[in-house]
Amino acid sequence: MQEILTAVTYPIVWLICSYLLNIESGLAKLLISLTAAILVYILIGIRQSHKEDQEDKED
């Protein structure tokens, strides 16, 4: 699930940069999209880790 959301984040952010923010630089769109995708991946990983820690404490 984590990888799917990361893969979907990249093109969505690319389109937002292109059409909503009107960023024309390909390098800027690339860096922003990759940063957003990596951030989503990290945040989901932190959330899952936190959830597992809480489950371990309950047992």
C-alpha atoms as a PDB file:
ATOM      1  CA  MET A   1       0.000   0.000   0.000  1.00  0.00           C
ATOM      2  CA  GLN A   2       2.839   2.338   0.894  1.00  0.00           C
ATOM      3  CA  GLU A   3       4.506   1.928  -2.501  1.00  0.00           C
ATOM      4  CA  ILE A   4       1.240   2.423  -4.398  1.00  0.00           C
ATOM      5  CA  LEU A   5       0.508   5.707  -2.647  1.00  0.00           C
ATOM      6  CA  THR A   6       4.053   6.867  -3.334  1.00  0.00           C
ATOM      7  CA  ALA A   7       3.745   5.957  -7.018  1.00  0.00           C
ATOM      8  CA  VAL A   8       0.413   7.788  -7.281  1.00  0.00           C
ATOM      9  CA  THR A   9       1.698  10.861  -5.443  1.00  0.00           C
ATOM     10  CA  TYR A  10       4.427  11.553  -7.998  1.00  0.00           C
ATOM     11  CA  PRO A  11       2.212  12.136 -11.092  1.00  0.00           C
ATOM     12  CA  ILE A  12      -0.462  13.948  -9.086  1.00  0.00           C
ATOM     13  CA  VAL A  13       2.044  16.464  -7.724  1.00  0.00           C
ATOM     14  CA  TRP A  14       3.583  16.786 -11.204  1.00  0.00           C
ATOM     15  CA  LEU A  15       0.163  17.724 -12.624  1.00  0.00           C
ATOM     16  CA  ILE A  16      -0.502  20.147  -9.780  1.00  0.00           C
ATOM     17  CA  CYS A  17       2.824  21.851 -10.481  1.00  0.00           C
ATOM     18  CA  SER A  18       2.114  22.001 -14.205  1.00  0.00           C
ATOM     19  CA  TYR A  19      -1.477  23.183 -14.265  1.00  0.00           C
ATOM     20  CA  LEU A  20      -2.297  24.789 -10.922  1.00  0.00           C
ATOM     21  CA  LEU A  21       1.035  26.360 -10.021  1.00  0.00           C
ATOM     22  CA  ASN A  22       2.106  26.941 -13.659  1.00  0.00           C
ATOM     23  CA  ILE A  23       5.686  25.852 -13.020  1.00  0.00           C
ATOM     24  CA  GLU A  24       7.362  25.476 -16.406  1.00  0.00           C
ATOM     25  CA  SER A  25      10.768  24.225 -15.291  1.00  0.00           C
ATOM     26  CA  GLY A  26      10.994  20.464 -15.681  1.00  0.00           C
ATOM     27  CA  LEU A  27      13.725  20.231 -13.065  1.00  0.00           C
ATOM     28  CA  ALA A  28      11.631  22.110 -10.501  1.00  0.00           C
ATOM     29  CA  LYS A  29       8.613  19.872 -11.153  1.00  0.00           C
ATOM     30  CA  LEU A  30      10.832  16.792 -10.879  1.00  0.00           C
ATOM     31  CA  LEU A  31      12.347  17.865  -7.572  1.00  0.00           C
ATOM     32  CA  ILE A  32       9.010  18.884  -6.062  1.00  0.00           C
ATOM     33  CA  SER A  33       7.284  15.675  -7.203  1.00  0.00           C
ATOM     34  CA  LEU A  34      10.058  13.406  -5.977  1.00  0.00           C
ATOM     35  CA  THR A  35      10.228  15.216  -2.653  1.00  0.00           C
ATOM     36  CA  ALA A  36       6.479  14.842  -2.166  1.00  0.00           C
ATOM     37  CA  ALA A  37       6.575  11.141  -3.076  1.00  0.00           C
ATOM     38  CA  ILE A  38       9.469  10.464  -0.693  1.00  0.00           C
ATOM     39  CA  LEU A  39       7.743  12.442   2.048  1.00  0.00           C
ATOM     40  CA  VAL A  40       4.561  10.375   1.642  1.00  0.00           C
ATOM     41  CA  TYR A  41       6.636   7.175   1.828  1.00  0.00           C
ATOM     42  CA  ILE A  42       8.389   8.312   5.008  1.00  0.00           C
ATOM     43  CA  LEU A  43       5.209   9.551   6.705  1.00  0.00           C
ATOM     44  CA  ILE A  44       3.377   6.279   6.031  1.00  0.00           C
ATOM     45  CA  GLY A  45       6.374   4.341   7.370  1.00  0.00           C
ATOM     46  CA  ILE A  46       6.435   6.418  10.549  1.00  0.00           C
ATOM     47  CA  ARG A  47       2.700   5.947  10.991  1.00  0.00           C
ATOM     48  CA  GLN A  48       2.972   2.165  10.586  1.00  0.00           C
ATOM     49  CA  SER A  49       5.908   2.000  12.983  1.00  0.00           C
ATOM     50  CA  HIS A  50       4.002   4.019  15.574  1.00  0.00           C
ATOM     51  CA  LYS A  51       0.965   1.781  15.155  1.00  0.00           C
ATOM     52  CA  GLU A  52       3.078  -1.373  15.635  1.00  0.00           C
ATOM     53  CA  ASP A  53       4.693   0.086  18.768  1.00  0.00           C
ATOM     54  CA  GLN A  54       1.267   0.736  20.289  1.00  0.00           C
ATOM     55  CA  GLU A  55       0.146  -2.815  19.485  1.00  0.00           C
ATOM     56  CA  ASP A  56       3.297  -4.225  21.128  1.00  0.00           C
ATOM     57  CA  LYS A  57       2.656  -2.189  24.281  1.00  0.00           C
ATOM     58  CA  GLU A  58      -0.912  -3.486  24.535  1.00  0.00           C
ATOM     59  CA  ASP A  59       0.237  -7.125  24.468  1.00  0.00           C
END
